[in-house]
Amino acid sequence: MLEPIVDGFRNYAKDQTRHGLLSRRLGSLTNDFFVNLLDMNTEWTAVSIIVFGSNAVLRSLAEVYASSDAEEKFVADFVRAWTKVMNLDRFDRR
């Protein structure tokens, strides 16, 4: 089975029964994750997973995508990265 042991993007740890989703619009490609990640009202508890806030580079990226005018940038960057990854294993491309 390919179930992860930990997943920092979903705030998930297999050993724990609770994990947090940082979006209310499930199934939609939005920047909600980053907005809620940096929201001062989000309550964090200590776990053994590295969080975005403890890494300066990841924190700065989260701040860019969490800004109020960044939803289109996030979607465009995500689509560009997704397309690149999906095309990496294509053998018909030269």
PDB file of N, CA and C in Angstrom:
ATOM      1  N   MET A   1       0.842  -1.166   0.000  1.00  0.00           N
ATOM      2  CA  MET A   1       0.000   0.000   0.000  1.00  0.00           C
ATOM      3  C   MET A   1       0.898   1.244   0.000  1.00  0.00           C
ATOM      4  N   LEU A   2       0.466   2.270  -0.686  1.00  0.00           N
ATOM      5  CA  LEU A   2       1.248   3.487  -0.811  1.00  0.00           C
ATOM      6  C   LEU A   2       0.773   4.601   0.117  1.00  0.00           C
ATOM      7  N   GLU A   3       0.174   4.265   1.228  1.00  0.00           N
ATOM      8  CA  GLU A   3      -0.296   5.276   2.176  1.00  0.00           C
ATOM      9  C   GLU A   3       0.909   5.924   2.859  1.00  0.00           C
ATOM     10  N   PRO A   4       0.948   7.252   2.905  1.00  0.00           N
ATOM     11  CA  PRO A   4       2.092   7.909   3.531  1.00  0.00           C
ATOM     12  C   PRO A   4       2.081   7.754   5.047  1.00  0.00           C
ATOM     13  N   ILE A   5       3.273   7.798   5.622  1.00  0.00           N
ATOM     14  CA  ILE A   5       3.392   7.779   7.078  1.00  0.00           C
ATOM     15  C   ILE A   5       3.112   9.176   7.618  1.00  0.00           C
ATOM     16  N   VAL A   6       3.689  10.184   6.944  1.00  0.00           N
ATOM     17  CA  VAL A   6       3.409  11.581   7.281  1.00  0.00           C
ATOM     18  C   VAL A   6       3.256  12.360   5.990  1.00  0.00           C
ATOM     19  N   ASP A   7       2.484  13.422   6.038  1.00  0.00           N
ATOM     20  CA  ASP A   7       2.283  14.297   4.890  1.00  0.00           C
ATOM     21  C   ASP A   7       2.102  15.717   5.406  1.00  0.00           C
ATOM     22  N   GLY A   8       3.150  16.531   5.276  1.00  0.00           N
ATOM     23  CA  GLY A   8       3.114  17.898   5.768  1.00  0.00           C
ATOM     24  C   GLY A   8       2.126  18.774   5.044  1.00  0.00           C
ATOM     25  N   PHE A   9       1.818  18.460   3.798  1.00  0.00           N
ATOM     26  CA  PHE A   9       0.876  19.267   3.028  1.00  0.00           C
ATOM     27  C   PHE A   9      -0.552  19.100   3.525  1.00  0.00           C
ATOM     28  N   ARG A  10      -0.870  17.931   4.078  1.00  0.00           N
ATOM     29  CA  ARG A  10      -2.214  17.694   4.609  1.00  0.00           C
ATOM     30  C   ARG A  10      -2.235  17.764   6.126  1.00  0.00           C
ATOM     31  N   ASN A  11      -1.073  18.057   6.750  1.00  0.00           N
ATOM     32  CA  ASN A  11      -0.969  18.071   8.205  1.00  0.00           C
ATOM     33  C   ASN A  11      -1.435  16.714   8.747  1.00  0.00           C
ATOM     34  N   TYR A  12      -0.888  15.648   8.161  1.00  0.00           N
ATOM     35  CA  TYR A  12      -1.333  14.286   8.440  1.00  0.00           C
ATOM     36  C   TYR A  12      -0.193  13.451   9.004  1.00  0.00           C
ATOM     37  N   ALA A  13      -0.489  12.702  10.028  1.00  0.00           N
ATOM     38  CA  ALA A  13       0.437  11.706  10.559  1.00  0.00           C
ATOM     39  C   ALA A  13      -0.342  10.416  10.769  1.00  0.00           C
ATOM     40  N   LYS A  14       0.159   9.320  10.221  1.00  0.00           N
ATOM     41  CA  LYS A  14      -0.566   8.046  10.258  1.00  0.00           C
ATOM     42  C   LYS A  14      -0.841   7.591  11.688  1.00  0.00           C
ATOM     43  N   ASP A  15       0.078   7.840  12.599  1.00  0.00           N
ATOM     44  CA  ASP A  15      -0.080   7.393  13.977  1.00  0.00           C
ATOM     45  C   ASP A  15      -1.194   8.134  14.707  1.00  0.00           C
ATOM     46  N   GLN A  16      -1.587   9.282  14.195  1.00  0.00           N
ATOM     47  CA  GLN A  16      -2.632  10.068  14.835  1.00  0.00           C
ATOM     48  C   GLN A  16      -3.944   9.859  14.086  1.00  0.00           C
ATOM     49  N   THR A  17      -5.038   9.954  14.784  1.00  0.00           N
ATOM     50  CA  THR A  17      -6.331   9.764  14.124  1.00  0.00           C
ATOM     51  C   THR A  17      -6.868  11.061  13.557  1.00  0.00           C
ATOM     52  N   ARG A  18      -6.317  12.202  13.950  1.00  0.00           N
ATOM     53  CA  ARG A  18      -6.811  13.493  13.476  1.00  0.00           C
ATOM     54  C   ARG A  18      -5.793  14.114  12.523  1.00  0.00           C
ATOM     55  N   HIS A  19      -6.285  14.745  11.491  1.00  0.00           N
ATOM     56  CA  HIS A  19      -5.440  15.550  10.625  1.00  0.00           C
ATOM     57  C   HIS A  19      -6.289  16.689  10.108  1.00  0.00           C
ATOM     58  N   GLY A  20      -5.619  17.791   9.789  1.00  0.00           N
ATOM     59  CA  GLY A  20      -6.358  18.978   9.408  1.00  0.00           C
ATOM     60  C   GLY A  20      -6.330  19.244   7.921  1.00  0.00           C
ATOM     61  N   LEU A  21      -7.474  19.603   7.388  1.00  0.00           N
ATOM     62  CA  LEU A  21      -7.546  20.110   6.025  1.00  0.00           C
ATOM     63  C   LEU A  21      -7.635  21.615   6.138  1.00  0.00           C
ATOM     64  N   LEU A  22      -6.803  22.306   5.414  1.00  0.00           N
ATOM     65  CA  LEU A  22      -6.761  23.752   5.528  1.00  0.00           C
ATOM     66  C   LEU A  22      -7.533  24.425   4.408  1.00  0.00           C
ATOM     67  N   SER A  23      -8.658  23.844   4.029  1.00  0.00           N
ATOM     68  CA  SER A  23      -9.516  24.432   3.007  1.00  0.00           C
ATOM     69  C   SER A  23     -10.954  24.013   3.265  1.00  0.00           C
ATOM     70  N   ARG A  24     -11.873  24.911   3.015  1.00  0.00           N
ATOM     71  CA  ARG A  24     -13.290  24.574   3.117  1.00  0.00           C
ATOM     72  C   ARG A  24     -13.873  24.268   1.743  1.00  0.00           C
ATOM     73  N   ARG A  25     -13.108  24.559   0.693  1.00  0.00           N
ATOM     74  CA  ARG A  25     -13.600  24.336  -0.677  1.00  0.00           C
ATOM     75  C   ARG A  25     -12.903  23.107  -1.260  1.00  0.00           C
ATOM     76  N   LEU A  26     -13.208  21.952  -0.719  1.00  0.00           N
ATOM     77  CA  LEU A  26     -12.576  20.715  -1.172  1.00  0.00           C
ATOM     78  C   LEU A  26     -12.933  20.453  -2.624  1.00  0.00           C
ATOM     79  N   GLY A  27     -11.968  19.978  -3.384  1.00  0.00           N
ATOM     80  CA  GLY A  27     -12.183  19.689  -4.789  1.00  0.00           C
ATOM     81  C   GLY A  27     -11.963  20.878  -5.695  1.00  0.00           C
ATOM     82  N   SER A  28     -11.617  22.032  -5.125  1.00  0.00           N
ATOM     83  CA  SER A  28     -11.359  23.240  -5.915  1.00  0.00           C
ATOM     84  C   SER A  28      -9.890  23.613  -5.799  1.00  0.00           C
ATOM     85  N   LEU A  29      -9.319  24.070  -6.875  1.00  0.00           N
ATOM     86  CA  LEU A  29      -7.926  24.501  -6.876  1.00  0.00           C
ATOM     87  C   LEU A  29      -7.894  25.973  -6.452  1.00  0.00           C
ATOM     88  N   THR A  30      -7.628  26.204  -5.172  1.00  0.00           N
ATOM     89  CA  THR A  30      -7.606  27.555  -4.612  1.00  0.00           C
ATOM     90  C   THR A  30      -6.364  27.738  -3.754  1.00  0.00           C
ATOM     91  N   ASN A  31      -6.134  28.965  -3.305  1.00  0.00           N
ATOM     92  CA  ASN A  31      -5.012  29.233  -2.414  1.00  0.00           C
ATOM     93  C   ASN A  31      -5.438  29.173  -0.953  1.00  0.00           C
ATOM     94  N   ASP A  32      -6.587  28.573  -0.657  1.00  0.00           N
ATOM     95  CA  ASP A  32      -7.104  28.465   0.716  1.00  0.00           C
ATOM     96  C   ASP A  32      -6.079  27.862   1.674  1.00  0.00           C
ATOM     97  N   PHE A  33      -5.372  26.852   1.224  1.00  0.00           N
ATOM     98  CA  PHE A  33      -4.375  26.192   2.072  1.00  0.00           C
ATOM     99  C   PHE A  33      -3.411  27.214   2.646  1.00  0.00           C
ATOM    100  N   PHE A  34      -2.865  28.085   1.790  1.00  0.00           N
ATOM    101  CA  PHE A  34      -1.874  29.052   2.230  1.00  0.00           C
ATOM    102  C   PHE A  34      -2.491  30.150   3.086  1.00  0.00           C
ATOM    103  N   VAL A  35      -3.693  30.579   2.726  1.00  0.00           N
ATOM    104  CA  VAL A  35      -4.390  31.601   3.521  1.00  0.00           C
ATOM    105  C   VAL A  35      -4.619  31.091   4.938  1.00  0.00           C
ATOM    106  N   ASN A  36      -5.147  29.883   5.064  1.00  0.00           N
ATOM    107  CA  ASN A  36      -5.430  29.315   6.379  1.00  0.00           C
ATOM    108  C   ASN A  36      -4.170  28.897   7.118  1.00  0.00           C
ATOM    109  N   LEU A  37      -3.148  28.515   6.396  1.00  0.00           N
ATOM    110  CA  LEU A  37      -1.868  28.150   7.007  1.00  0.00           C
ATOM    111  C   LEU A  37      -1.289  29.321   7.780  1.00  0.00           C
ATOM    112  N   LEU A  38      -1.414  30.516   7.232  1.00  0.00           N
ATOM    113  CA  LEU A  38      -0.827  31.700   7.854  1.00  0.00           C
ATOM    114  C   LEU A  38      -1.820  32.496   8.695  1.00  0.00           C
ATOM    115  N   ASP A  39      -3.066  32.070   8.736  1.00  0.00           N
ATOM    116  CA  ASP A  39      -4.082  32.776   9.525  1.00  0.00           C
ATOM    117  C   ASP A  39      -3.732  32.684  11.012  1.00  0.00           C
ATOM    118  N   MET A  40      -3.716  33.830  11.683  1.00  0.00           N
ATOM    119  CA  MET A  40      -3.363  33.856  13.101  1.00  0.00           C
ATOM    120  C   MET A  40      -4.406  33.144  13.960  1.00  0.00           C
ATOM    121  N   ASN A  41      -5.598  32.898  13.440  1.00  0.00           N
ATOM    122  CA  ASN A  41      -6.629  32.186  14.187  1.00  0.00           C
ATOM    123  C   ASN A  41      -6.497  30.668  14.077  1.00  0.00           C
ATOM    124  N   THR A  42      -5.603  30.180  13.209  1.00  0.00           N
ATOM    125  CA  THR A  42      -5.373  28.739  13.100  1.00  0.00           C
ATOM    126  C   THR A  42      -4.614  28.287  14.335  1.00  0.00           C
ATOM    127  N   GLU A  43      -5.163  27.306  15.022  1.00  0.00           N
ATOM    128  CA  GLU A  43      -4.552  26.817  16.251  1.00  0.00           C
ATOM    129  C   GLU A  43      -3.686  25.599  15.942  1.00  0.00           C
ATOM    130  N   TRP A  44      -2.424  25.668  16.324  1.00  0.00           N
ATOM    131  CA  TRP A  44      -1.469  24.601  16.040  1.00  0.00           C
ATOM    132  C   TRP A  44      -1.156  23.841  17.323  1.00  0.00           C
ATOM    133  N   THR A  45      -0.933  22.549  17.180  1.00  0.00           N
ATOM    134  CA  THR A  45      -0.464  21.737  18.294  1.00  0.00           C
ATOM    135  C   THR A  45       0.821  21.050  17.864  1.00  0.00           C
ATOM    136  N   ALA A  46       1.670  20.780  18.814  1.00  0.00           N
ATOM    137  CA  ALA A  46       2.984  20.191  18.523  1.00  0.00           C
ATOM    138  C   ALA A  46       2.841  18.747  18.062  1.00  0.00           C
ATOM    139  N   VAL A  47       3.473  18.434  16.926  1.00  0.00           N
ATOM    140  CA  VAL A  47       3.581  17.070  16.418  1.00  0.00           C
ATOM    141  C   VAL A  47       4.987  16.928  15.849  1.00  0.00           C
ATOM    142  N   SER A  48       5.319  15.770  15.387  1.00  0.00           N
ATOM    143  CA  SER A  48       6.681  15.547  14.897  1.00  0.00           C
ATOM    144  C   SER A  48       6.820  15.827  13.401  1.00  0.00           C
ATOM    145  N   ILE A  49       5.931  16.633  12.858  1.00  0.00           N
ATOM    146  CA  ILE A  49       5.980  16.973  11.432  1.00  0.00           C
ATOM    147  C   ILE A  49       6.533  18.382  11.288  1.00  0.00           C
ATOM    148  N   ILE A  50       7.433  18.570  10.349  1.00  0.00           N
ATOM    149  CA  ILE A  50       7.961  19.907  10.084  1.00  0.00           C
ATOM    150  C   ILE A  50       6.858  20.746   9.468  1.00  0.00           C
ATOM    151  N   VAL A  51       6.689  21.952   9.956  1.00  0.00           N
ATOM    152  CA  VAL A  51       5.623  22.837   9.496  1.00  0.00           C
ATOM    153  C   VAL A  51       6.229  23.935   8.632  1.00  0.00           C
ATOM    154  N   PHE A  52       5.443  24.472   7.716  1.00  0.00           N
ATOM    155  CA  PHE A  52       5.889  25.532   6.828  1.00  0.00           C
ATOM    156  C   PHE A  52       6.536  26.682   7.589  1.00  0.00           C
ATOM    157  N   GLY A  53       5.996  27.043   8.719  1.00  0.00           N
ATOM    158  CA  GLY A  53       6.483  28.195   9.474  1.00  0.00           C
ATOM    159  C   GLY A  53       7.900  28.052   9.971  1.00  0.00           C
ATOM    160  N   SER A  54       8.428  26.833  10.072  1.00  0.00           N
ATOM    161  CA  SER A  54       9.775  26.635  10.588  1.00  0.00           C
ATOM    162  C   SER A  54      10.839  26.658   9.492  1.00  0.00           C
ATOM    163  N   ASN A  55      10.441  26.794   8.243  1.00  0.00           N
ATOM    164  CA  ASN A  55      11.380  26.830   7.126  1.00  0.00           C
ATOM    165  C   ASN A  55      11.196  28.165   6.405  1.00  0.00           C
ATOM    166  N   ALA A  56      12.260  28.979   6.355  1.00  0.00           N
ATOM    167  CA  ALA A  56      12.148  30.336   5.815  1.00  0.00           C
ATOM    168  C   ALA A  56      11.708  30.356   4.346  1.00  0.00           C
ATOM    169  N   VAL A  57      12.206  29.431   3.534  1.00  0.00           N
ATOM    170  CA  VAL A  57      11.856  29.415   2.114  1.00  0.00           C
ATOM    171  C   VAL A  57      10.389  29.029   1.934  1.00  0.00           C
ATOM    172  N   LEU A  58       9.960  27.958   2.611  1.00  0.00           N
ATOM    173  CA  LEU A  58       8.562  27.543   2.505  1.00  0.00           C
ATOM    174  C   LEU A  58       7.625  28.604   3.078  1.00  0.00           C
ATOM    175  N   ARG A  59       8.047  29.258   4.149  1.00  0.00           N
ATOM    176  CA  ARG A  59       7.234  30.322   4.740  1.00  0.00           C
ATOM    177  C   ARG A  59       7.052  31.469   3.747  1.00  0.00           C
ATOM    178  N   SER A  60       8.132  31.868   3.054  1.00  0.00           N
ATOM    179  CA  SER A  60       8.033  32.982   2.108  1.00  0.00           C
ATOM    180  C   SER A  60       7.130  32.620   0.920  1.00  0.00           C
ATOM    181  N   LEU A  61       7.207  31.382   0.443  1.00  0.00           N
ATOM    182  CA  LEU A  61       6.308  30.946  -0.629  1.00  0.00           C
ATOM    183  C   LEU A  61       4.860  30.947  -0.163  1.00  0.00           C
ATOM    184  N   ALA A  62       4.639  30.481   1.055  1.00  0.00           N
ATOM    185  CA  ALA A  62       3.279  30.480   1.601  1.00  0.00           C
ATOM    186  C   ALA A  62       2.740  31.899   1.694  1.00  0.00           C
ATOM    187  N   GLU A  63       3.579  32.856   2.091  1.00  0.00           N
ATOM    188  CA  GLU A  63       3.134  34.243   2.209  1.00  0.00           C
ATOM    189  C   GLU A  63       2.756  34.826   0.850  1.00  0.00           C
ATOM    190  N   VAL A  64       3.498  34.459  -0.199  1.00  0.00           N
ATOM    191  CA  VAL A  64       3.159  34.938  -1.550  1.00  0.00           C
ATOM    192  C   VAL A  64       1.800  34.408  -1.959  1.00  0.00           C
ATOM    193  N   TYR A  65       1.605  33.097  -1.821  1.00  0.00           N
ATOM    194  CA  TYR A  65       0.353  32.489  -2.270  1.00  0.00           C
ATOM    195  C   TYR A  65      -0.830  32.820  -1.363  1.00  0.00           C
ATOM    196  N   ALA A  66      -0.576  33.230  -0.128  1.00  0.00           N
ATOM    197  CA  ALA A  66      -1.659  33.559   0.796  1.00  0.00           C
ATOM    198  C   ALA A  66      -2.182  34.980   0.624  1.00  0.00           C
ATOM    199  N   SER A  67      -1.483  35.800  -0.118  1.00  0.00           N
ATOM    200  CA  SER A  67      -1.926  37.189  -0.267  1.00  0.00           C
ATOM    201  C   SER A  67      -3.287  37.246  -0.956  1.00  0.00           C
ATOM    202  N   SER A  68      -4.021  38.303  -0.681  1.00  0.00           N
ATOM    203  CA  SER A  68      -5.409  38.390  -1.137  1.00  0.00           C
ATOM    204  C   SER A  68      -5.561  38.408  -2.656  1.00  0.00           C
ATOM    205  N   ASP A  69      -4.512  38.800  -3.382  1.00  0.00           N
ATOM    206  CA  ASP A  69      -4.605  38.860  -4.845  1.00  0.00           C
ATOM    207  C   ASP A  69      -3.814  37.748  -5.538  1.00  0.00           C
ATOM    208  N   ALA A  70      -3.527  36.664  -4.814  1.00  0.00           N
ATOM    209  CA  ALA A  70      -2.632  35.638  -5.356  1.00  0.00           C
ATOM    210  C   ALA A  70      -3.323  34.372  -5.839  1.00  0.00           C
ATOM    211  N   GLU A  71      -4.644  34.311  -5.785  1.00  0.00           N
ATOM    212  CA  GLU A  71      -5.303  33.059  -6.175  1.00  0.00           C
ATOM    213  C   GLU A  71      -5.025  32.708  -7.637  1.00  0.00           C
ATOM    214  N   GLU A  72      -5.093  33.687  -8.539  1.00  0.00           N
ATOM    215  CA  GLU A  72      -4.796  33.411  -9.950  1.00  0.00           C
ATOM    216  C   GLU A  72      -3.345  32.993 -10.145  1.00  0.00           C
ATOM    217  N   LYS A  73      -2.406  33.640  -9.418  1.00  0.00           N
ATOM    218  CA  LYS A  73      -0.988  33.277  -9.514  1.00  0.00           C
ATOM    219  C   LYS A  73      -0.784  31.848  -9.039  1.00  0.00           C
ATOM    220  N   PHE A  74      -1.420  31.485  -7.923  1.00  0.00           N
ATOM    221  CA  PHE A  74      -1.289  30.126  -7.414  1.00  0.00           C
ATOM    222  C   PHE A  74      -1.781  29.106  -8.438  1.00  0.00           C
ATOM    223  N   VAL A  75      -2.961  29.336  -8.993  1.00  0.00           N
ATOM    224  CA  VAL A  75      -3.526  28.392  -9.966  1.00  0.00           C
ATOM    225  C   VAL A  75      -2.622  28.293 -11.191  1.00  0.00           C
ATOM    226  N   ALA A  76      -2.151  29.444 -11.703  1.00  0.00           N
ATOM    227  CA  ALA A  76      -1.272  29.425 -12.885  1.00  0.00           C
ATOM    228  C   ALA A  76       0.035  28.695 -12.595  1.00  0.00           C
ATOM    229  N   ASP A  77       0.644  28.950 -11.439  1.00  0.00           N
ATOM    230  CA  ASP A  77       1.894  28.275 -11.069  1.00  0.00           C
ATOM    231  C   ASP A  77       1.671  26.780 -10.872  1.00  0.00           C
ATOM    232  N   PHE A  78       0.552  26.423 -10.245  1.00  0.00           N
ATOM    233  CA  PHE A  78       0.240  25.014 -10.028  1.00  0.00           C
ATOM    234  C   PHE A  78       0.065  24.290 -11.357  1.00  0.00           C
ATOM    235  N   VAL A  79      -0.703  24.871 -12.255  1.00  0.00           N
ATOM    236  CA  VAL A  79      -0.950  24.246 -13.566  1.00  0.00           C
ATOM    237  C   VAL A  79       0.361  24.090 -14.336  1.00  0.00           C
ATOM    238  N   ARG A  80       1.203  25.116 -14.297  1.00  0.00           N
ATOM    239  CA  ARG A  80       2.498  25.047 -14.993  1.00  0.00           C
ATOM    240  C   ARG A  80       3.367  23.933 -14.408  1.00  0.00           C
ATOM    241  N   ALA A  81       3.434  23.837 -13.072  1.00  0.00           N
ATOM    242  CA  ALA A  81       4.244  22.794 -12.428  1.00  0.00           C
ATOM    243  C   ALA A  81       3.662  21.405 -12.692  1.00  0.00           C
ATOM    244  N   TRP A  82       2.339  21.279 -12.615  1.00  0.00           N
ATOM    245  CA  TRP A  82       1.674  19.995 -12.865  1.00  0.00           C
ATOM    246  C   TRP A  82       1.949  19.518 -14.292  1.00  0.00           C
ATOM    247  N   THR A  83       1.836  20.415 -15.257  1.00  0.00           N
ATOM    248  CA  THR A  83       2.083  20.073 -16.652  1.00  0.00           C
ATOM    249  C   THR A  83       3.522  19.618 -16.846  1.00  0.00           C
ATOM    250  N   LYS A  84       4.452  20.320 -16.208  1.00  0.00           N
ATOM    251  CA  LYS A  84       5.871  19.949 -16.320  1.00  0.00           C
ATOM    252  C   LYS A  84       6.111  18.550 -15.765  1.00  0.00           C
ATOM    253  N   VAL A  85       5.564  18.273 -14.594  1.00  0.00           N
ATOM    254  CA  VAL A  85       5.751  16.954 -13.978  1.00  0.00           C
ATOM    255  C   VAL A  85       5.112  15.855 -14.829  1.00  0.00           C
ATOM    256  N   MET A  86       3.917  16.094 -15.328  1.00  0.00           N
ATOM    257  CA  MET A  86       3.214  15.092 -16.129  1.00  0.00           C
ATOM    258  C   MET A  86       3.920  14.820 -17.459  1.00  0.00           C
ATOM    259  N   ASN A  87       4.641  15.796 -17.979  1.00  0.00           N
ATOM    260  CA  ASN A  87       5.349  15.617 -19.245  1.00  0.00           C
ATOM    261  C   ASN A  87       6.752  15.032 -19.084  1.00  0.00           C
ATOM    262  N   LEU A  88       7.256  14.938 -17.869  1.00  0.00           N
ATOM    263  CA  LEU A  88       8.614  14.447 -17.648  1.00  0.00           C
ATOM    264  C   LEU A  88       8.809  12.994 -18.071  1.00  0.00           C
ATOM    265  N   ASP A  89       7.786  12.163 -17.964  1.00  0.00           N
ATOM    266  CA  ASP A  89       7.963  10.752 -18.296  1.00  0.00           C
ATOM    267  C   ASP A  89       7.425  10.385 -19.670  1.00  0.00           C
ATOM    268  N   ARG A  90       7.151  11.380 -20.478  1.00  0.00           N
ATOM    269  CA  ARG A  90       6.639  11.098 -21.826  1.00  0.00           C
ATOM    270  C   ARG A  90       7.818  10.787 -22.741  1.00  0.00           C
ATOM    271  N   PHE A  91       7.748   9.645 -23.422  1.00  0.00           N
ATOM    272  CA  PHE A  91       8.819   9.226 -24.293  1.00  0.00           C
ATOM    273  C   PHE A  91       8.615   9.707 -25.735  1.00  0.00           C
ATOM    274  N   ASP A  92       7.435  10.203 -26.038  1.00  0.00           N
ATOM    275  CA  ASP A  92       7.160  10.647 -27.406  1.00  0.00           C
ATOM    276  C   ASP A  92       7.612  12.089 -27.639  1.00  0.00           C
ATOM    277  N   ARG A  93       8.100  12.758 -26.619  1.00  0.00           N
ATOM    278  CA  ARG A  93       8.557  14.147 -26.752  1.00  0.00           C
ATOM    279  C   ARG A  93      10.044  14.177 -27.052  1.00  0.00           C
ATOM    280  N   ARG A  94      10.438  15.065 -27.915  1.00  0.00           N
ATOM    281  CA  ARG A  94      11.875  15.193 -28.230  1.00  0.00           C
ATOM    282  C   ARG A  94      12.313  16.599 -28.031  1.00  0.00           C
TER     283      ARG A  94
END
